[in-house]
Amino acid sequence: DGNGNTSTSFIGTITVAIQNDPSGGTATLSGTLSQPAVNGVATFNDLSIDRTGVGYTLEAQGSGFLDQSSAFDIVPGPPSGVTSIITASPTAITADGASTSTITVQLFDANGNPLTSGGDAVALSTNAGSLGGVNDNGNGTYTAVLTASTTPQTATITGTVNATPINDTATVAFVIGSADRLEIVQQPSTAPAGGQFVPRVSVRVVDANGNTVPSFTGPISVAIGNNPGGGSLIGTTTVNAIGGTATFTNLAINQAGSGYTLVFSATGFTPVTSIPFSITAGGASGATSTITANPTSIPADGTSTSTITVQLKDAGGSNLTTGGDLVTLSTTAGTLSSVTDNNNGTYTATLTSSVAPGTATITGTVNGGSIGASATVTFSAGSADLAITAAVSNPNPTLGSTIVYTITVTNRGPDTATGVQVTDALPGRLSLVLAEASQGTFSVAAGVWNVGELEPSASATLALTVNVGP
């Protein structure tokens, strides 16, 4: 009433509403906003305001009466995992193991009001990189530092508040750094001459931490570095990178050798050299294999020999260094021994001459295929330089005396002399007493000394003892 006493007889309806809204008009008054008075008093037991603020007032009116409350504050409620948020700044960092992003948790109550004080238990976790400890900033925010790994990937950061999961997450991409160098992905390995490398050789462009730089699509070239076999590089030697990697699909080297290297280069990068590798000889090729003879000329005596050698080569002309192939040889003259596998890529046989002068042509096969090359050996007639001397025991004999004629024949070589004969007819006034030959026989009637065979530098003598007649 006019004196401030409760009018207990009043039973009308009283309605309340926000009168001063420090939230800028965004607040909502919830609950039962109209209540009937009982004994002059209307009680509102479920009112709430959903936005924080300082200096709210309520207004009550009914039956033409109006009044305003004193000012009051609305403070945030307890943090809610549903409305709280997790953010990252920046959202992309270099995958270098050192770059960082700040992870921030802003706590909100169930109505989305930001908390402005600390004290809650906030925990964070990540599936990539590493997180430092969580710092309570005392203003409703909590921060931690995320450090990148050296692997390009995306980190997802999750959290809890007071052991309740926070629905929101943040992501940070660990990205590739700038192109730094060339790196060999697949080294060249041992391959046969002319055969392509398996697996295929590949090179990539990486950042400082060894991550492939997928944006690089420029050309990368390859050349032989160390070249122990004098080979040539076959195939496509310049390839454009795809996703930062260049794959050389058809490289080969045509000559065998141990200790080859490949050098890869690209504009703006230091060249890189492969590890050493070997190129082995390929399969035996009849087109490139050779047949040789040593010596190429032997006497036609039926016993002299020449060594026939087959050197197997692959299609590129590289010598094979292992055995196991089937090699056969044949000759047009003389006789050949069986073929010996020397287990080093060579095969040998012995050719024995015939007794008839001529030329032997030696041909062969390898694994059933003809060898294109052949060898020739000449069977030559013997060449011997014979010298003869004669001496007498008394150059001035008397009638009826006895003297000795000594005849010496010498082979001055270079070959053995066969069928050697010396003819020496005695004068009619000399009568033969005795004929003594160091080798062979002397026919008195024919006056022929059949010496036979003389080796190089060998000599034979015939001593004729005679009587001096009238």
Foldseek 3Di string as FASTA:
>chain_A
DVVPDQQQVAFWKKFKDKDDDQVVPPKDWDAPGIATDHRRHGDGDDIDILEWDWFIKMWMDDPHDIDIDGGDTDAFDDFDLAQKEKEWPPQEEAQPQADKIKIKIFTHHPSNYTAQADDKDKDKDKPFADKDDWATPGTRMIIIMGTHHNEWDKIKMWMAINNHTRPYIYIHTHDFDDFDAKDWDDFFAEEAAVAFGPPWTKMFTGGPSRHGQQVAFAKKFKAKDDDFFPWGWDADGIATDHRGMGTGHGIGTHEWDWFIKMWMDDPPHDIDIGGTYTHAFDDFDLAQKEKEWPPQEEAQQQADKIKIKIFTGHPSNYTHQAWDKDKDKDKPFADKDGWATPGTRMIIIMGTHHNDWDKMKMWMAINPHTRPYIGMHTHHHFDWDKDKDKDKPDPDDDAFDKIKIKMKIATQDDAKDFQDKDADQDDPQKDWDDKDKPAADADNVRRMGRRGIDGHGGMIMIMTMITGHD
